[in-house]
Amino acid sequence: MEQKISLINLSGIKYLDPEKAHFYLKNDQFLCLDYDGETYENIKLHRSIPFKLPDDFISVQDMDSKEIFLIRSLYQFTPEQANLLGQQLHKRYFSPSISRIYSVKQKMGYLYFEVETSAGRKVFALNDVTRNLRRIDDGARIVIIDVDGNRYIIEDVARMLPKDFRRIEPYLL
């Protein structure tokens, strides 16, 4: 009998079946998964397409960042399970919105920002501007990733105050 080979089989992707999965928190902080008779402890979730499809194609990874499973969509889960997964993703991808840019200073290869965000006033640094300050969604939004991996979002470039935009314009490619 001829065996069919699909791209999914070749890629090694193992889609998680929500009916066989139970996610829970160990000690109220470590995400764990019981799946088809096996337990996976201290797992983390990673959005494969974070800006366009934040609730779809979620990678379930072990502590070494090795993918165990891929979740097609959070909407496949019960509301309780989807809520738990959503909370974990929110913690990992917490991205305050920047409403004002007070200053941007360049010093020794780093950019230092002082901004107002939805989480209050923040000061942060970033390096490698071409990778860590970029336009997304056809240039309407900007994502900034600081040296600690924190993400900040400018939701709509067109709505920024002109003086704030001038502070970052030289760094936008």
Protein backbone atom coordinates (compact mmCIF):
# COMPACT_ATOMS: atom_id res chain seq x y z
CA MET A 1 0.00 0.00 0.00
CA GLU A 2 1.30 3.45 -0.93
CA GLN A 3 2.00 5.73 2.04
CA LYS A 4 0.93 9.34 1.62
CA ILE A 5 3.48 11.91 2.66
CA SER A 6 2.20 15.32 3.61
CA LEU A 7 3.97 18.56 4.35
CA ILE A 8 2.70 18.36 7.94
CA ASN A 9 4.28 14.92 8.40
CA LEU A 10 7.59 16.11 6.94
CA SER A 11 7.66 19.23 9.11
CA GLY A 12 7.37 17.28 12.35
CA ILE A 13 4.57 19.52 13.62
CA LYS A 14 2.42 17.80 16.23
CA TYR A 15 -0.91 19.54 16.57
CA LEU A 16 -2.38 19.37 20.05
CA ASP A 17 -5.83 17.78 20.34
CA PRO A 18 -7.74 19.97 22.84
CA GLU A 19 -9.89 17.03 23.93
CA LYS A 20 -6.80 15.15 25.18
CA ALA A 21 -5.20 18.19 26.83
CA HIS A 22 -5.52 19.66 30.30
CA PHE A 23 -3.46 22.74 31.20
CA TYR A 24 -3.00 23.81 34.82
CA LEU A 25 -0.74 25.88 37.05
CA LYS A 26 1.62 24.14 39.45
CA ASN A 27 2.19 26.15 42.64
CA ASP A 28 0.05 28.90 41.08
CA GLN A 29 2.84 29.92 38.70
CA PHE A 30 4.26 27.14 36.49
CA LEU A 31 2.21 26.12 33.47
CA CYS A 32 1.89 22.35 33.05
CA LEU A 33 0.11 20.09 30.59
CA ASP A 34 -1.40 16.64 30.99
CA TYR A 35 -1.75 15.20 27.51
CA ASP A 36 -2.80 11.71 26.53
CA GLY A 37 -1.35 10.15 29.70
CA GLU A 38 1.87 12.21 29.82
CA THR A 39 2.69 15.21 31.98
CA TYR A 40 4.76 18.14 30.74
CA GLU A 41 5.88 20.53 33.48
CA ASN A 42 7.11 24.11 33.31
CA ILE A 43 6.05 24.63 29.73
CA LYS A 44 5.81 27.96 27.96
CA LEU A 45 3.66 29.29 25.17
CA HIS A 46 5.02 31.11 22.14
CA ARG A 47 2.94 32.94 19.53
CA SER A 48 4.06 31.89 16.06
CA ILE A 49 2.30 34.84 14.38
CA PRO A 50 2.02 37.35 17.26
CA PHE A 51 0.65 40.41 15.49
CA LYS A 52 -1.63 39.00 12.80
CA LEU A 53 -2.95 35.84 14.52
CA PRO A 54 -2.29 36.21 18.26
CA ASP A 55 -4.75 33.46 19.28
CA ASP A 56 -3.79 30.95 16.58
CA PHE A 57 -0.74 28.75 16.01
CA ILE A 58 0.55 28.80 19.58
CA SER A 59 3.70 26.77 20.13
CA VAL A 60 3.81 24.73 23.36
CA GLN A 61 7.48 24.49 24.36
CA ASP A 62 9.53 22.79 27.03
CA MET A 63 12.06 24.59 29.25
CA ASP A 64 14.70 24.31 26.50
CA SER A 65 12.38 26.09 24.02
CA LYS A 66 11.86 22.86 22.07
CA GLU A 67 8.39 22.67 20.55
CA ILE A 68 6.26 19.85 21.95
CA PHE A 69 2.95 20.69 20.28
CA LEU A 70 1.29 23.37 18.22
CA ILE A 71 -2.14 24.71 19.19
CA ARG A 72 -4.19 25.59 16.10
CA SER A 73 -6.45 28.04 17.95
CA LEU A 74 -7.32 28.99 21.52
CA TYR A 75 -10.97 28.94 20.45
CA GLN A 76 -10.86 25.13 20.29
CA PHE A 77 -10.59 24.93 24.09
CA THR A 78 -13.18 25.19 26.82
CA PRO A 79 -13.62 28.73 28.13
CA GLU A 80 -11.72 27.85 31.32
CA GLN A 81 -8.75 26.38 29.46
CA ALA A 82 -8.73 29.20 26.89
CA ASN A 83 -8.79 31.74 29.74
CA LEU A 84 -5.80 30.11 31.45
CA LEU A 85 -3.82 30.00 28.21
CA GLY A 86 -4.82 33.58 27.41
CA GLN A 87 -3.60 34.75 30.83
CA GLN A 88 -0.26 33.03 30.30
CA LEU A 89 0.14 34.59 26.86
CA HIS A 90 -0.81 38.01 28.23
CA LYS A 91 1.94 37.74 30.87
CA ARG A 92 4.52 36.70 28.29
CA TYR A 93 3.48 39.24 25.66
CA PHE A 94 2.56 42.16 27.87
CA SER A 95 3.00 45.11 25.50
CA PRO A 96 2.19 48.54 26.89
CA SER A 97 1.01 51.09 24.34
CA ILE A 98 3.17 54.18 24.00
CA SER A 99 1.13 57.39 24.08
CA ARG A 100 3.98 59.96 24.32
CA ILE A 101 7.70 59.98 23.57
CA TYR A 102 9.50 62.47 25.82
CA SER A 103 13.02 61.77 24.64
CA VAL A 104 15.18 59.46 22.55
CA LYS A 105 18.93 59.67 23.15
CA GLN A 106 21.71 57.75 21.47
CA LYS A 107 24.64 56.76 23.64
CA MET A 108 27.37 54.14 23.09
CA GLY A 109 25.39 52.14 20.53
CA TYR A 110 22.11 52.15 22.48
CA LEU A 111 18.96 54.21 22.16
CA TYR A 112 17.47 55.38 25.45
CA PHE A 113 13.75 56.12 25.44
CA GLU A 114 11.67 58.01 27.96
CA VAL A 115 7.99 57.42 27.21
CA GLU A 116 4.48 57.47 28.63
CA THR A 117 2.71 54.12 28.27
CA SER A 118 -0.54 52.46 29.25
CA ALA A 119 1.47 51.06 32.20
CA GLY A 120 2.86 54.47 33.26
CA ARG A 121 6.04 56.38 32.54
CA LYS A 122 8.92 54.15 31.40
CA VAL A 123 12.59 54.53 30.61
CA PHE A 124 14.21 51.76 28.58
CA ALA A 125 17.11 51.06 26.24
CA LEU A 126 17.35 49.20 22.99
CA ASN A 127 20.17 48.09 20.76
CA ASP A 128 20.21 46.94 17.15
CA VAL A 129 17.63 49.45 15.96
CA THR A 130 16.97 47.61 12.68
CA ARG A 131 15.73 44.52 14.55
CA ASN A 132 14.15 46.09 17.61
CA LEU A 133 12.30 49.12 16.27
CA ARG A 134 10.14 48.19 13.32
CA ARG A 135 6.90 48.97 11.57
CA ILE A 136 4.20 46.31 11.43
CA ASP A 137 0.73 46.08 9.89
CA ASP A 138 1.66 47.99 6.73
CA GLY A 139 3.53 50.60 8.74
CA ALA A 140 0.55 51.76 10.78
CA ARG A 141 1.95 50.35 14.04
CA ILE A 142 5.45 50.25 15.50
CA VAL A 143 6.83 47.63 17.85
CA ILE A 144 9.84 48.41 20.03
CA ILE A 145 11.69 45.62 21.85
CA ASP A 146 14.02 46.76 24.63
CA VAL A 147 17.24 45.09 25.81
CA ASP A 148 15.27 43.01 28.33
CA GLY A 149 12.89 41.65 25.68
CA ASN A 150 9.95 43.82 26.75
CA ARG A 151 7.70 44.92 23.91
CA TYR A 152 6.16 48.36 23.53
CA ILE A 153 3.62 49.25 20.85
CA ILE A 154 2.83 52.51 19.10
CA GLU A 155 -0.71 51.71 17.96
CA ASP A 156 -1.14 54.29 15.20
CA VAL A 157 1.76 56.30 13.82
CA ALA A 158 -0.62 58.72 12.09
CA ARG A 159 -2.14 59.73 15.45
CA MET A 160 1.17 60.53 17.13
CA LEU A 161 2.00 64.10 18.04
CA PRO A 162 4.34 65.49 15.35
CA LYS A 163 7.11 66.25 17.87
CA ASP A 164 6.93 62.66 19.20
CA PHE A 165 7.13 61.22 15.70
CA ARG A 166 10.16 63.41 14.89
CA ARG A 167 11.99 61.83 17.83
CA ILE A 168 11.78 58.33 16.34
CA GLU A 169 11.59 59.11 12.63
CA PRO A 170 15.38 58.96 12.06
CA TYR A 171 15.41 55.36 13.31
CA LEU A 172 12.56 54.03 11.19
CA LEU A 173 13.76 52.24 8.11
